[in-house]
Amino acid sequence: MKKIISLIAIMLISFTGLKAQIKDAQIKTSGQCEHCKETLEKNLRFEKGVKKVSFDVKSHIVNVKYDEAKTTVRNIQLAITKLGYDADSLLADPKAYEKLNACCKKPE
């Protein structure tokens, strides 16, 4: 009986350690409009480890909830740059930026 209880206790401790560590990140982007909001929110949801995405057009901030065991803020920033937007200090991929609609480009 003691062996069974010990085994169950070990299993419970092991499963507790496997729980996902959900973190929040706020990333400043060059997104400008509702079209940018749609693009960022739609595409970032498909990134590995990303759980939730929201973009505030007024502040130009992407709020991301992500599983730190599956991705990093750096990976999320790189995904944003591949969509054509700046992400904090990382500049947008030039080819992706050129494909953006005029309303999505940074003001001159």
N, C-alpha and C. Protein backbone atom coordinates (compact mmCIF):
# COMPACT_ATOMS: atom_id res chain seq x y z
N MET A 1 0.83 -1.20 0.00
CA MET A 1 0.00 0.00 0.00
C MET A 1 0.87 1.26 0.00
N LYS A 2 1.98 1.23 0.77
CA LYS A 2 2.87 2.38 0.81
C LYS A 2 3.49 2.64 -0.56
N LYS A 3 3.77 1.57 -1.30
CA LYS A 3 4.35 1.73 -2.63
C LYS A 3 3.38 2.42 -3.58
N ILE A 4 2.12 2.06 -3.48
CA ILE A 4 1.09 2.66 -4.35
C ILE A 4 0.95 4.14 -4.03
N ILE A 5 0.90 4.49 -2.76
CA ILE A 5 0.77 5.89 -2.35
C ILE A 5 2.00 6.67 -2.81
N SER A 6 3.18 6.09 -2.65
CA SER A 6 4.40 6.76 -3.09
C SER A 6 4.40 6.97 -4.59
N LEU A 7 3.95 5.96 -5.33
CA LEU A 7 3.89 6.07 -6.79
C LEU A 7 2.93 7.17 -7.22
N ILE A 8 1.77 7.23 -6.59
CA ILE A 8 0.79 8.27 -6.91
C ILE A 8 1.35 9.65 -6.58
N ALA A 9 2.03 9.78 -5.46
CA ALA A 9 2.62 11.07 -5.07
C ALA A 9 3.68 11.50 -6.09
N ILE A 10 4.51 10.58 -6.52
CA ILE A 10 5.54 10.90 -7.53
C ILE A 10 4.89 11.33 -8.84
N MET A 11 3.84 10.64 -9.25
CA MET A 11 3.15 11.00 -10.49
C MET A 11 2.53 12.39 -10.40
N LEU A 12 1.92 12.72 -9.27
CA LEU A 12 1.31 14.04 -9.10
C LEU A 12 2.37 15.14 -9.15
N ILE A 13 3.49 14.91 -8.52
CA ILE A 13 4.57 15.90 -8.54
C ILE A 13 5.09 16.07 -9.96
N SER A 14 5.23 14.97 -10.69
CA SER A 14 5.72 15.03 -12.08
C SER A 14 4.77 15.81 -12.97
N PHE A 15 3.48 15.55 -12.86
CA PHE A 15 2.51 16.24 -13.70
C PHE A 15 2.42 17.72 -13.37
N THR A 16 2.61 18.08 -12.12
CA THR A 16 2.59 19.48 -11.72
C THR A 16 3.73 20.23 -12.39
N GLY A 17 4.88 19.61 -12.51
CA GLY A 17 6.04 20.23 -13.15
C GLY A 17 5.87 20.43 -14.64
N LEU A 18 4.95 19.70 -15.27
CA LEU A 18 4.74 19.79 -16.71
C LEU A 18 3.76 20.89 -17.09
N LYS A 19 3.17 21.53 -16.12
CA LYS A 19 2.18 22.57 -16.39
C LYS A 19 2.82 23.70 -17.21
N ALA A 20 2.12 24.16 -18.21
CA ALA A 20 2.63 25.22 -19.09
C ALA A 20 2.83 26.51 -18.29
N GLN A 21 3.90 27.21 -18.61
CA GLN A 21 4.20 28.50 -18.00
C GLN A 21 3.77 29.59 -19.00
N ILE A 22 2.59 30.13 -18.77
CA ILE A 22 2.07 31.15 -19.68
C ILE A 22 2.59 32.51 -19.22
N LYS A 23 3.21 33.21 -20.16
CA LYS A 23 3.79 34.53 -19.90
C LYS A 23 3.10 35.56 -20.78
N ASP A 24 3.26 36.82 -20.40
CA ASP A 24 2.73 37.95 -21.17
C ASP A 24 3.89 38.74 -21.74
N ALA A 25 3.71 39.24 -22.96
CA ALA A 25 4.70 40.11 -23.58
C ALA A 25 3.98 41.27 -24.25
N GLN A 26 4.57 42.44 -24.16
CA GLN A 26 4.06 43.62 -24.86
C GLN A 26 5.17 44.04 -25.82
N ILE A 27 4.83 44.02 -27.10
CA ILE A 27 5.81 44.31 -28.14
C ILE A 27 5.35 45.53 -28.93
N LYS A 28 6.19 46.55 -28.98
CA LYS A 28 5.90 47.77 -29.74
C LYS A 28 6.12 47.47 -31.22
N THR A 29 5.13 47.78 -32.04
CA THR A 29 5.23 47.51 -33.47
C THR A 29 5.01 48.78 -34.27
N SER A 30 5.20 48.65 -35.58
CA SER A 30 4.94 49.76 -36.48
C SER A 30 3.56 49.65 -37.12
N GLY A 31 2.73 48.75 -36.63
CA GLY A 31 1.36 48.62 -37.14
C GLY A 31 0.59 49.92 -36.99
N GLN A 32 -0.23 50.25 -38.00
CA GLN A 32 -0.88 51.55 -38.05
C GLN A 32 -2.40 51.54 -38.00
N CYS A 33 -3.03 50.46 -38.44
CA CYS A 33 -4.46 50.53 -38.69
C CYS A 33 -5.17 49.22 -38.36
N GLU A 34 -6.46 49.19 -38.64
CA GLU A 34 -7.26 47.99 -38.39
C GLU A 34 -6.81 46.82 -39.27
N HIS A 35 -6.33 47.12 -40.45
CA HIS A 35 -5.83 46.04 -41.31
C HIS A 35 -4.59 45.41 -40.68
N CYS A 36 -3.74 46.23 -40.11
CA CYS A 36 -2.55 45.72 -39.39
C CYS A 36 -3.00 44.85 -38.22
N LYS A 37 -4.00 45.31 -37.50
CA LYS A 37 -4.54 44.57 -36.36
C LYS A 37 -4.97 43.17 -36.80
N GLU A 38 -5.72 43.13 -37.90
CA GLU A 38 -6.21 41.85 -38.42
C GLU A 38 -5.04 40.95 -38.82
N THR A 39 -4.06 41.51 -39.52
CA THR A 39 -2.90 40.74 -39.98
C THR A 39 -2.10 40.19 -38.81
N LEU A 40 -1.78 41.05 -37.85
CA LEU A 40 -0.98 40.63 -36.71
C LEU A 40 -1.71 39.58 -35.87
N GLU A 41 -2.95 39.84 -35.53
CA GLU A 41 -3.69 38.91 -34.68
C GLU A 41 -3.91 37.56 -35.36
N LYS A 42 -4.25 37.60 -36.63
CA LYS A 42 -4.51 36.36 -37.37
C LYS A 42 -3.25 35.51 -37.51
N ASN A 43 -2.15 36.12 -37.91
CA ASN A 43 -0.93 35.37 -38.20
C ASN A 43 -0.17 34.93 -36.96
N LEU A 44 -0.12 35.76 -35.94
CA LEU A 44 0.64 35.40 -34.75
C LEU A 44 -0.01 34.25 -33.98
N ARG A 45 -1.30 34.07 -34.14
CA ARG A 45 -1.97 32.94 -33.46
C ARG A 45 -1.44 31.59 -33.94
N PHE A 46 -0.86 31.56 -35.12
CA PHE A 46 -0.35 30.30 -35.67
C PHE A 46 1.10 30.03 -35.25
N GLU A 47 1.73 30.96 -34.55
CA GLU A 47 3.10 30.74 -34.09
C GLU A 47 3.09 29.73 -32.94
N LYS A 48 4.05 28.85 -32.96
CA LYS A 48 4.16 27.82 -31.93
C LYS A 48 4.26 28.47 -30.55
N GLY A 49 3.42 28.02 -29.62
CA GLY A 49 3.45 28.49 -28.25
C GLY A 49 2.60 29.72 -27.97
N VAL A 50 2.13 30.40 -29.00
CA VAL A 50 1.31 31.60 -28.79
C VAL A 50 -0.11 31.17 -28.44
N LYS A 51 -0.62 31.71 -27.34
CA LYS A 51 -1.95 31.35 -26.85
C LYS A 51 -3.00 32.40 -27.17
N LYS A 52 -2.60 33.67 -27.09
CA LYS A 52 -3.57 34.76 -27.32
C LYS A 52 -2.81 35.99 -27.82
N VAL A 53 -3.44 36.71 -28.75
CA VAL A 53 -2.83 37.91 -29.32
C VAL A 53 -3.88 39.00 -29.42
N SER A 54 -3.49 40.22 -29.04
CA SER A 54 -4.35 41.39 -29.29
C SER A 54 -3.44 42.56 -29.62
N PHE A 55 -3.88 43.35 -30.59
CA PHE A 55 -3.11 44.52 -31.03
C PHE A 55 -3.93 45.77 -30.76
N ASP A 56 -3.33 46.72 -30.06
CA ASP A 56 -3.97 48.01 -29.80
C ASP A 56 -3.45 49.01 -30.83
N VAL A 57 -4.32 49.42 -31.73
CA VAL A 57 -3.93 50.31 -32.82
C VAL A 57 -3.41 51.64 -32.29
N LYS A 58 -4.05 52.17 -31.28
CA LYS A 58 -3.69 53.49 -30.76
C LYS A 58 -2.27 53.52 -30.17
N SER A 59 -1.92 52.48 -29.39
CA SER A 59 -0.60 52.45 -28.75
C SER A 59 0.45 51.73 -29.57
N HIS A 60 0.02 51.02 -30.62
CA HIS A 60 0.91 50.24 -31.48
C HIS A 60 1.56 49.07 -30.72
N ILE A 61 0.87 48.56 -29.70
CA ILE A 61 1.40 47.48 -28.87
C ILE A 61 0.65 46.18 -29.16
N VAL A 62 1.45 45.12 -29.40
CA VAL A 62 0.89 43.77 -29.52
C VAL A 62 1.05 43.11 -28.16
N ASN A 63 -0.05 42.68 -27.59
CA ASN A 63 -0.04 41.94 -26.33
C ASN A 63 -0.14 40.46 -26.68
N VAL A 64 0.80 39.67 -26.18
CA VAL A 64 0.85 38.25 -26.51
C VAL A 64 0.94 37.43 -25.23
N LYS A 65 0.10 36.42 -25.13
CA LYS A 65 0.23 35.40 -24.09
C LYS A 65 0.84 34.19 -24.78
N TYR A 66 1.92 33.67 -24.19
CA TYR A 66 2.63 32.58 -24.83
C TYR A 66 3.15 31.59 -23.80
N ASP A 67 3.39 30.37 -24.24
CA ASP A 67 3.95 29.31 -23.40
C ASP A 67 5.46 29.39 -23.51
N GLU A 68 6.12 29.76 -22.42
CA GLU A 68 7.56 29.95 -22.47
C GLU A 68 8.34 28.65 -22.69
N ALA A 69 7.69 27.52 -22.54
CA ALA A 69 8.35 26.24 -22.83
C ALA A 69 8.40 25.98 -24.33
N LYS A 70 7.57 26.70 -25.10
CA LYS A 70 7.48 26.46 -26.55
C LYS A 70 8.04 27.58 -27.42
N THR A 71 8.13 28.79 -26.87
CA THR A 71 8.63 29.90 -27.67
C THR A 71 9.22 30.98 -26.76
N THR A 72 9.78 31.99 -27.38
CA THR A 72 10.37 33.11 -26.65
C THR A 72 9.85 34.42 -27.22
N VAL A 73 10.07 35.49 -26.49
CA VAL A 73 9.69 36.82 -26.99
C VAL A 73 10.45 37.10 -28.27
N ARG A 74 11.70 36.70 -28.33
CA ARG A 74 12.52 36.92 -29.53
C ARG A 74 11.89 36.25 -30.75
N ASN A 75 11.41 35.02 -30.60
CA ASN A 75 10.77 34.31 -31.71
C ASN A 75 9.50 35.04 -32.16
N ILE A 76 8.76 35.57 -31.21
CA ILE A 76 7.53 36.30 -31.54
C ILE A 76 7.89 37.60 -32.27
N GLN A 77 8.92 38.29 -31.79
CA GLN A 77 9.38 39.51 -32.47
C GLN A 77 9.80 39.20 -33.91
N LEU A 78 10.53 38.13 -34.10
CA LEU A 78 10.97 37.75 -35.45
C LEU A 78 9.77 37.44 -36.35
N ALA A 79 8.75 36.80 -35.80
CA ALA A 79 7.54 36.51 -36.58
C ALA A 79 6.86 37.81 -37.01
N ILE A 80 6.85 38.80 -36.13
CA ILE A 80 6.26 40.10 -36.46
C ILE A 80 7.05 40.76 -37.60
N THR A 81 8.38 40.71 -37.53
CA THR A 81 9.18 41.34 -38.59
C THR A 81 8.97 40.66 -39.93
N LYS A 82 8.72 39.36 -39.91
CA LYS A 82 8.46 38.63 -41.17
C LYS A 82 7.12 39.00 -41.78
N LEU A 83 6.24 39.59 -40.98
CA LEU A 83 4.96 40.08 -41.49
C LEU A 83 5.08 41.48 -42.09
N GLY A 84 6.24 42.12 -41.89
CA GLY A 84 6.46 43.45 -42.46
C GLY A 84 6.41 44.57 -41.45
N TYR A 85 6.38 44.24 -40.17
CA TYR A 85 6.29 45.27 -39.12
C TYR A 85 7.54 45.26 -38.25
N ASP A 86 7.90 46.43 -37.74
CA ASP A 86 8.96 46.51 -36.74
C ASP A 86 8.44 45.85 -35.47
N ALA A 87 9.36 45.31 -34.68
CA ALA A 87 9.01 44.70 -33.40
C ALA A 87 10.06 45.13 -32.38
N ASP A 88 9.68 46.06 -31.53
CA ASP A 88 10.61 46.68 -30.59
C ASP A 88 11.80 47.22 -31.38
N SER A 89 13.01 46.77 -31.11
CA SER A 89 14.18 47.32 -31.81
C SER A 89 14.49 46.60 -33.13
N LEU A 90 13.76 45.53 -33.44
CA LEU A 90 13.99 44.79 -34.68
C LEU A 90 13.22 45.44 -35.83
N LEU A 91 13.91 45.66 -36.93
CA LEU A 91 13.26 46.27 -38.09
C LEU A 91 12.54 45.23 -38.93
N ALA A 92 11.49 45.67 -39.60
CA ALA A 92 10.69 44.81 -40.45
C ALA A 92 11.53 44.24 -41.60
N ASP A 93 11.17 43.05 -42.01
CA ASP A 93 11.78 42.46 -43.21
C ASP A 93 11.43 43.37 -44.38
N PRO A 94 12.43 43.88 -45.12
CA PRO A 94 12.16 44.84 -46.20
C PRO A 94 11.21 44.31 -47.28
N LYS A 95 11.35 43.06 -47.66
CA LYS A 95 10.47 42.50 -48.70
C LYS A 95 9.03 42.40 -48.21
N ALA A 96 8.85 42.00 -46.96
CA ALA A 96 7.50 41.91 -46.39
C ALA A 96 6.89 43.31 -46.23
N TYR A 97 7.72 44.27 -45.83
CA TYR A 97 7.24 45.64 -45.66
C TYR A 97 6.73 46.20 -46.98
N GLU A 98 7.43 45.96 -48.06
CA GLU A 98 7.01 46.46 -49.38
C GLU A 98 5.66 45.91 -49.81
N LYS A 99 5.32 44.72 -49.35
CA LYS A 99 4.03 44.10 -49.72
C LYS A 99 2.85 44.62 -48.91
N LEU A 100 3.12 45.39 -47.84
CA LEU A 100 2.03 45.91 -47.02
C LEU A 100 1.19 46.93 -47.80
N ASN A 101 -0.08 47.03 -47.43
CA ASN A 101 -0.93 48.09 -47.99
C ASN A 101 -0.37 49.44 -47.59
N ALA A 102 -0.69 50.47 -48.36
CA ALA A 102 -0.18 51.82 -48.08
C ALA A 102 -0.58 52.29 -46.68
N CYS A 103 -1.80 51.93 -46.24
CA CYS A 103 -2.25 52.38 -44.92
C CYS A 103 -1.50 51.71 -43.77
N CYS A 104 -0.80 50.64 -44.07
CA CYS A 104 -0.07 49.89 -43.05
C CYS A 104 1.38 50.33 -42.90
N LYS A 105 1.85 51.13 -43.81
CA LYS A 105 3.25 51.57 -43.78
C LYS A 105 3.44 52.73 -42.80
N LYS A 106 4.65 52.81 -42.28
CA LYS A 106 4.99 53.86 -41.32
C LYS A 106 4.84 55.23 -41.96
N PRO A 107 4.33 56.20 -41.19
CA PRO A 107 4.26 57.57 -41.72
C PRO A 107 5.65 58.10 -41.99
N GLU A 108 5.78 58.82 -43.06
CA GLU A 108 7.10 59.37 -43.46
C GLU A 108 7.48 60.53 -42.59
